[in-house]
Amino acid sequence: MSGQISYAIDSLALDPSTSFLPFMNSRFRAHHPLAFLAIALAIFATTSACGSLTGNKAQTENSTDTVTVYALNGTPVDAPAGLWLFGRQAVVVSSNFLFDLSFDIDPQGEATLYTVRYVAGALSPAHSVSLQRVTGGFDALLKAPQNGYVTDSLFTAKVGDVFAVSTSDPSACSFSIYSNLIYAKLEVLGIDPGTRTVRTRFTVDPNCGFLSLIPSGIPKD
């Protein structure tokens, strides 16, 4: 059964022109005023995070956080179901698409990890996020891969799974000429079908174009 479910999910990933989750529209009806404030504050911080507009010297420390997010479906529309990596928090999913990743949980208790543009649809203004499943464990991944990612798609996700992530979140690197990407790593710590939540751990390098995924401190590369 699990193989059949995975096959169905993978085949749907071949057509990202429309959202896999059309019944999610109720989450996209209105912008949340606080989201605009969050975007403004994040953009203000971008110059510091990336050093100068053209330089490549990191100025901001990496961070590691543990955050729980709700499933996209079967939860209140105001439940934080989106994971915003640059903002290091769970956020409400709405039509501003101020998030990178989200999860859903099926009736069998299996979780699926979605990128923001896969949820929103290819014609939306949502930014691109790329994922790569990695082996070797969360702590062992100290540098993000430079290739091998799948962009604007989805993955089945189990407890213990680790993913390398690159995101073109405009609130992170809009003013950087050096790169428009930041990198992160994500681990699934727990899946609770009862509360319809997924517990995650992630490390984010907020410095544009830097690949280092050390848990804390200012990266060198």
Protein backbone atom coordinates (compact mmCIF):
# COMPACT_ATOMS: atom_id res chain seq x y z
CA MET A 1 0.00 0.00 0.00
CA SER A 2 2.76 2.45 0.86
CA GLY A 3 4.38 1.86 -2.52
CA GLN A 4 1.10 2.65 -4.26
CA ILE A 5 0.69 5.86 -2.30
CA SER A 6 4.22 6.98 -3.12
CA TYR A 7 3.70 6.24 -6.79
CA ALA A 8 0.53 8.31 -6.87
CA ILE A 9 2.26 11.24 -5.23
CA ASP A 10 5.28 11.07 -7.49
CA SER A 11 3.15 10.95 -10.63
CA LEU A 12 1.21 14.03 -9.52
CA ALA A 13 4.49 15.89 -9.18
CA LEU A 14 4.87 15.73 -12.96
CA ASP A 15 2.21 18.41 -13.41
CA PRO A 16 2.87 21.37 -11.11
CA SER A 17 0.86 23.80 -13.25
CA THR A 18 -2.01 23.61 -10.82
CA SER A 19 -2.08 23.15 -7.08
CA PHE A 20 -2.22 19.58 -5.79
CA LEU A 21 -4.44 21.01 -3.05
CA PRO A 22 -7.32 22.90 -4.76
CA PHE A 23 -9.44 22.46 -1.63
CA MET A 24 -6.95 24.70 0.21
CA ASN A 25 -8.57 27.84 -1.21
CA SER A 26 -10.14 28.77 2.13
CA ARG A 27 -6.65 29.42 3.49
CA PHE A 28 -5.90 31.88 0.68
CA ARG A 29 -8.84 34.26 0.93
CA ALA A 30 -7.20 37.05 2.87
CA HIS A 31 -3.81 38.46 3.69
CA HIS A 32 -2.84 38.63 7.34
CA PRO A 33 -1.74 42.17 8.31
CA LEU A 34 1.06 40.90 10.53
CA ALA A 35 2.55 39.07 7.56
CA PHE A 36 3.28 42.38 5.83
CA LEU A 37 5.10 43.59 8.92
CA ALA A 38 7.10 40.35 8.99
CA ILE A 39 8.08 40.81 5.34
CA ALA A 40 9.20 44.40 5.96
CA LEU A 41 11.31 43.43 8.95
CA ALA A 42 12.85 40.51 7.06
CA ILE A 43 13.79 42.69 4.09
CA PHE A 44 15.29 45.27 6.44
CA ALA A 45 17.46 42.51 7.91
CA THR A 46 18.55 41.17 4.52
CA THR A 47 21.41 43.60 3.96
CA SER A 48 22.91 42.61 7.29
CA ALA A 49 22.44 38.93 6.59
CA CYS A 50 24.22 39.10 3.27
CA GLY A 51 26.92 41.61 4.15
CA SER A 52 27.18 44.20 1.43
CA LEU A 53 24.94 44.06 -1.61
CA THR A 54 27.70 42.58 -3.73
CA GLY A 55 30.03 41.05 -1.16
CA ASN A 56 30.29 37.43 -0.10
CA LYS A 57 31.29 37.73 3.54
CA ALA A 58 28.76 36.28 5.95
CA GLN A 59 27.51 38.64 8.63
CA THR A 60 24.74 36.67 10.31
CA GLU A 61 24.92 33.54 12.43
CA ASN A 62 23.33 30.25 11.46
CA SER A 63 20.51 29.12 13.70
CA THR A 64 18.90 25.80 14.61
CA ASP A 65 15.30 25.61 15.79
CA THR A 66 12.63 23.05 16.61
CA VAL A 67 9.18 24.03 15.34
CA THR A 68 5.83 22.23 15.15
CA VAL A 69 3.51 22.91 12.21
CA TYR A 70 -0.07 21.83 11.55
CA ALA A 71 -1.21 19.80 8.57
CA LEU A 72 -2.61 21.75 5.64
CA ASN A 73 -5.97 20.00 5.78
CA GLY A 74 -8.23 19.02 8.65
CA THR A 75 -7.00 21.93 10.79
CA PRO A 76 -8.33 25.47 11.40
CA VAL A 77 -7.51 27.97 8.66
CA ASP A 78 -5.67 30.13 11.18
CA ALA A 79 -3.48 27.27 12.43
CA PRO A 80 0.22 27.78 11.56
CA ALA A 81 0.64 25.22 8.77
CA GLY A 82 3.53 26.83 6.89
CA LEU A 83 7.22 26.66 7.77
CA TRP A 84 9.09 29.90 7.01
CA LEU A 85 12.79 29.08 7.16
CA PHE A 86 14.26 32.59 6.94
CA GLY A 87 11.81 33.75 9.60
CA ARG A 88 12.53 30.64 11.71
CA GLN A 89 8.87 30.10 12.55
CA ALA A 90 5.58 28.45 11.74
CA VAL A 91 3.17 30.81 10.00
CA VAL A 92 -0.44 30.86 8.84
CA VAL A 93 -0.80 29.76 5.22
CA SER A 94 -2.56 32.47 3.23
CA SER A 95 -2.53 34.10 -0.19
CA ASN A 96 0.67 36.02 0.52
CA PHE A 97 2.55 32.67 0.42
CA LEU A 98 5.00 33.79 3.08
CA PHE A 99 6.31 30.30 3.79
CA ASP A 100 8.62 27.72 2.25
CA LEU A 101 7.33 24.29 3.24
CA SER A 102 4.19 22.65 4.54
CA PHE A 103 2.98 19.16 5.42
CA ASP A 104 -0.19 17.20 5.09
CA ILE A 105 -1.16 13.95 6.83
CA ASP A 106 -3.29 11.32 5.08
CA PRO A 107 -5.89 9.02 6.73
CA GLN A 108 -3.19 6.36 7.23
CA GLY A 109 -1.08 8.81 9.22
CA GLU A 110 1.54 9.23 6.49
CA ALA A 111 2.96 12.70 5.92
CA THR A 112 3.78 14.51 2.70
CA LEU A 113 6.15 17.49 2.50
CA TYR A 114 5.19 20.22 0.03
CA THR A 115 7.02 23.26 -1.29
CA VAL A 116 5.13 26.55 -1.33
CA ARG A 117 4.84 26.78 -5.09
CA TYR A 118 3.52 23.25 -5.37
CA VAL A 119 0.76 24.19 -2.95
CA ALA A 120 0.05 27.52 -4.66
CA GLY A 121 0.34 26.42 -8.28
CA ALA A 122 2.93 27.35 -10.91
CA LEU A 123 1.01 30.46 -12.03
CA SER A 124 1.11 31.97 -8.55
CA PRO A 125 3.68 34.58 -7.42
CA ALA A 126 5.06 32.12 -4.86
CA HIS A 127 8.83 31.69 -4.81
CA SER A 128 10.65 28.48 -5.71
CA VAL A 129 11.90 26.02 -3.13
CA SER A 130 14.06 22.98 -3.91
CA LEU A 131 14.41 19.81 -1.85
CA GLN A 132 16.78 16.88 -1.72
CA ARG A 133 16.45 13.87 0.55
CA VAL A 134 19.81 13.15 2.16
CA THR A 135 21.33 10.25 4.08
CA GLY A 136 23.78 10.27 6.94
CA GLY A 137 21.70 12.13 9.49
CA PHE A 138 20.89 15.72 10.36
CA ASP A 139 24.00 16.47 12.41
CA ALA A 140 26.33 15.05 9.75
CA LEU A 141 25.06 17.42 7.04
CA LEU A 142 27.33 20.42 7.51
CA LYS A 143 27.28 21.75 3.94
CA ALA A 144 24.35 21.97 1.55
CA PRO A 145 24.66 20.06 -1.73
CA GLN A 146 25.09 22.24 -4.80
CA ASN A 147 23.07 20.01 -7.10
CA GLY A 148 20.61 17.12 -7.07
CA TYR A 149 17.59 19.11 -5.89
CA VAL A 150 13.99 18.73 -7.04
CA THR A 151 12.29 22.11 -7.46
CA ASP A 152 8.69 23.05 -6.59
CA SER A 153 7.65 19.50 -5.85
CA LEU A 154 6.78 17.20 -2.95
CA PHE A 155 8.18 14.25 -1.02
CA THR A 156 6.78 11.60 1.26
CA ALA A 157 8.16 12.25 4.74
CA LYS A 158 8.75 9.88 7.63
CA VAL A 159 10.16 10.38 11.10
CA GLY A 160 13.93 10.65 10.82
CA ASP A 161 13.94 11.85 7.22
CA VAL A 162 16.40 14.66 6.49
CA PHE A 163 16.17 17.11 3.59
CA ALA A 164 18.51 19.71 2.18
CA VAL A 165 16.59 22.83 1.17
CA SER A 166 17.29 25.83 -1.03
CA THR A 167 14.81 28.68 -1.15
CA SER A 168 14.57 31.83 -3.22
CA ASP A 169 12.48 33.52 -0.55
CA PRO A 170 12.39 37.19 -1.67
CA SER A 171 12.43 38.41 1.92
CA ALA A 172 15.87 36.83 2.31
CA CYS A 173 17.93 37.87 -0.70
CA SER A 174 15.99 40.41 -2.77
CA PHE A 175 18.78 42.97 -2.41
CA SER A 176 21.73 40.64 -2.87
CA ILE A 177 23.56 40.50 -6.20
CA TYR A 178 25.73 37.66 -4.94
CA SER A 179 22.92 35.06 -4.81
CA ASN A 180 19.14 34.84 -4.55
CA LEU A 181 19.21 31.62 -2.52
CA ILE A 182 19.60 30.63 1.09
CA TYR A 183 20.17 27.04 2.22
CA ALA A 184 18.84 24.98 5.10
CA LYS A 185 18.46 21.43 6.36
CA LEU A 186 15.28 19.95 7.79
CA GLU A 187 14.59 16.86 9.88
CA VAL A 188 11.19 15.32 10.63
CA LEU A 189 11.17 14.62 14.37
CA GLY A 190 7.59 13.49 14.84
CA ILE A 191 4.24 13.02 13.10
CA ASP A 192 1.07 13.11 15.20
CA PRO A 193 -2.08 12.13 13.26
CA GLY A 194 -4.21 12.83 16.34
CA THR A 195 -3.30 16.50 16.59
CA ARG A 196 -2.46 16.64 12.87
CA THR A 197 0.93 18.17 13.55
CA VAL A 198 4.50 17.55 12.41
CA ARG A 199 7.46 18.39 14.63
CA THR A 200 10.56 19.54 12.77
CA ARG A 201 14.12 20.59 13.43
CA PHE A 202 15.95 22.81 10.97
CA THR A 203 19.16 24.75 10.56
CA VAL A 204 19.14 27.87 8.37
CA ASP A 205 22.08 29.73 6.88
CA PRO A 206 20.58 33.22 6.33
CA ASN A 207 23.60 34.44 4.36
CA CYS A 208 22.76 34.61 0.66
CA GLY A 209 24.50 31.91 -1.35
CA PHE A 210 26.36 30.35 1.58
CA LEU A 211 26.26 26.55 1.82
CA SER A 212 27.41 26.05 5.40
CA LEU A 213 24.91 24.27 7.63
CA ILE A 214 26.81 24.42 10.89
CA PRO A 215 24.29 24.55 13.74
CA SER A 216 25.33 28.00 14.97
CA GLY A 217 27.93 30.69 14.47
CA ILE A 218 28.90 32.76 11.44
CA PRO A 219 29.62 30.50 8.46
CA LYS A 220 32.75 30.78 6.34
CA ASP A 221 31.42 29.25 3.11
